[in-house]
């Protein structure tokens, strides 16, 4: 990993450390595009890419030759291929927002996430 890539990794770890469970959940359930915007603000060369997931898709940021999300480095060979965003994709993703109220109403979902998180370390 290059020094620049280490800087990205360190920045993501700092952000994630603010509230590990909530941020990881939010940034993988509706706010992944907003996390890209945070990264873009810090790393001006960040470019959004999309992945195809069981639930429709996820935004990762390409910075210094690697893909990143709230978990850190996103490895396409492990997590699925990525493709560049179209204008339509960006318009669609900018309207996606993590709904904290929904999660608070569905605490079972959050508790299951916390349980999985503790098992994964």
Protein backbone atom coordinates (compact mmCIF):
# COMPACT_ATOMS: atom_id res chain seq x y z
CA UNK A 1 0.00 0.00 0.00
CA UNK A 2 1.38 3.40 -0.95
CA UNK A 3 1.63 6.33 1.47
CA UNK A 4 -1.37 7.99 -0.21
CA UNK A 5 -3.42 4.81 0.10
CA UNK A 6 -2.40 4.55 3.76
CA UNK A 7 -3.70 8.13 4.23
CA UNK A 8 -7.09 7.10 2.80
CA UNK A 9 -7.20 4.02 5.01
CA UNK A 10 -6.28 6.06 8.09
CA UNK A 11 -8.92 8.71 7.33
CA UNK A 12 -11.63 6.04 6.94
CA UNK A 13 -10.59 4.43 10.22
CA UNK A 14 -10.85 7.80 11.98
CA UNK A 15 -14.34 8.41 10.58
CA UNK A 16 -15.48 4.88 11.36
CA UNK A 17 -14.14 5.22 14.91
CA UNK A 18 -16.66 7.96 15.68
CA UNK A 19 -19.48 5.43 15.91
CA UNK A 20 -18.47 2.09 14.44
CA UNK A 21 -21.81 0.29 14.45
CA UNK A 22 -23.98 3.19 13.32
CA UNK A 23 -21.64 4.46 10.63
CA UNK A 24 -20.95 1.04 9.19
CA UNK A 25 -24.66 0.32 9.08
CA UNK A 26 -25.67 3.72 7.71
CA UNK A 27 -22.97 3.72 5.05
CA UNK A 28 -24.09 0.34 3.77
CA UNK A 29 -27.85 1.00 4.00
CA UNK A 30 -28.56 4.20 2.12
CA UNK A 31 -25.73 6.61 2.87
CA UNK A 32 -22.88 5.05 0.91
CA UNK A 33 -23.17 7.88 -1.63
CA UNK A 34 -22.88 10.43 1.16
CA UNK A 35 -19.76 8.66 2.42
CA UNK A 36 -18.34 9.04 -1.09
CA UNK A 37 -19.05 12.80 -0.78
CA UNK A 38 -17.13 12.92 2.51
CA UNK A 39 -14.19 11.14 0.88
CA UNK A 40 -14.43 13.43 -2.17
CA UNK A 41 -14.21 16.46 0.11
CA UNK A 42 -10.95 15.16 1.62
CA UNK A 43 -9.51 13.40 -1.44
CA UNK A 44 -10.29 15.55 -4.49
CA UNK A 45 -9.47 12.76 -6.98
CA UNK A 46 -12.20 10.44 -5.60
CA UNK A 47 -14.53 9.05 -8.27
CA UNK A 48 -17.76 7.17 -7.47
CA UNK A 49 -18.21 3.62 -8.70
CA UNK A 50 -21.09 1.23 -8.19
CA UNK A 51 -21.21 -2.40 -7.24
CA UNK A 52 -24.06 -4.81 -7.72
CA UNK A 53 -25.29 -6.31 -4.45
CA UNK A 54 -28.20 -8.49 -3.41
CA UNK A 55 -30.04 -5.36 -2.29
CA UNK A 56 -29.45 -3.43 -5.51
CA UNK A 57 -26.14 -1.68 -5.28
CA UNK A 58 -23.48 0.09 -3.29
CA UNK A 59 -21.24 3.11 -3.89
CA UNK A 60 -17.49 2.82 -3.51
CA UNK A 61 -14.90 5.51 -4.12
CA UNK A 62 -11.89 5.05 -6.36
CA UNK A 63 -8.97 6.92 -4.82
CA UNK A 64 -5.31 6.45 -5.74
CA UNK A 65 -6.02 3.31 -7.75
CA UNK A 66 -8.03 1.45 -5.10
CA UNK A 67 -11.72 1.25 -4.20
CA UNK A 68 -12.89 2.31 -0.73
CA UNK A 69 -16.03 2.34 1.40
CA UNK A 70 -16.77 2.59 5.13
CA UNK A 71 -15.18 -0.84 5.66
CA UNK A 72 -11.88 0.31 4.14
CA UNK A 73 -10.46 -1.08 0.93
CA UNK A 74 -13.07 -2.68 -1.30
CA UNK A 75 -11.58 -5.55 -3.26
CA UNK A 76 -13.63 -6.31 -6.40
CA UNK A 77 -12.28 -9.85 -6.61
CA UNK A 78 -13.81 -10.55 -3.17
CA UNK A 79 -16.88 -8.30 -3.15
CA UNK A 80 -17.98 -8.05 -6.77
CA UNK A 81 -17.01 -6.00 -9.76
CA UNK A 82 -17.41 -2.24 -9.93
CA UNK A 83 -18.40 0.07 -12.76
CA UNK A 84 -18.29 3.82 -13.27
CA UNK A 85 -21.38 5.83 -12.43
CA UNK A 86 -23.55 7.37 -15.11
CA UNK A 87 -25.27 10.73 -14.64
CA UNK A 88 -28.54 8.86 -14.01
CA UNK A 89 -26.86 6.72 -11.35
CA UNK A 90 -25.56 9.82 -9.57
CA UNK A 91 -28.99 11.46 -9.63
CA UNK A 92 -30.56 8.31 -8.19
CA UNK A 93 -27.94 7.84 -5.48
CA UNK A 94 -28.00 11.46 -4.34
CA UNK A 95 -31.61 10.92 -3.25
CA UNK A 96 -30.72 7.88 -1.11
CA UNK A 97 -30.43 8.66 2.57
CA UNK A 98 -30.04 6.47 5.62
CA UNK A 99 -33.27 6.68 7.59
CA UNK A 100 -32.40 6.64 11.30
CA UNK A 101 -36.08 6.65 12.25
CA UNK A 102 -36.64 3.47 10.29
CA UNK A 103 -33.79 1.76 12.12
CA UNK A 104 -35.01 2.99 15.51
CA UNK A 105 -38.42 1.52 14.73
CA UNK A 106 -36.80 -1.73 13.69
CA UNK A 107 -34.33 -2.27 16.52
CA UNK A 108 -34.29 -5.99 15.84
CA UNK A 109 -32.49 -5.22 12.60
CA UNK A 110 -29.94 -3.09 14.41
CA UNK A 111 -29.48 -5.62 17.21
CA UNK A 112 -28.85 -8.33 14.63
CA UNK A 113 -26.29 -6.05 12.98
CA UNK A 114 -24.57 -5.41 16.32
CA UNK A 115 -24.50 -9.16 17.04
CA UNK A 116 -22.95 -9.86 13.63
CA UNK A 117 -20.49 -7.00 14.16
CA UNK A 118 -19.29 -8.44 17.47
CA UNK A 119 -18.85 -11.85 15.85
CA UNK A 120 -16.82 -10.35 13.01
CA UNK A 121 -14.65 -8.28 15.34
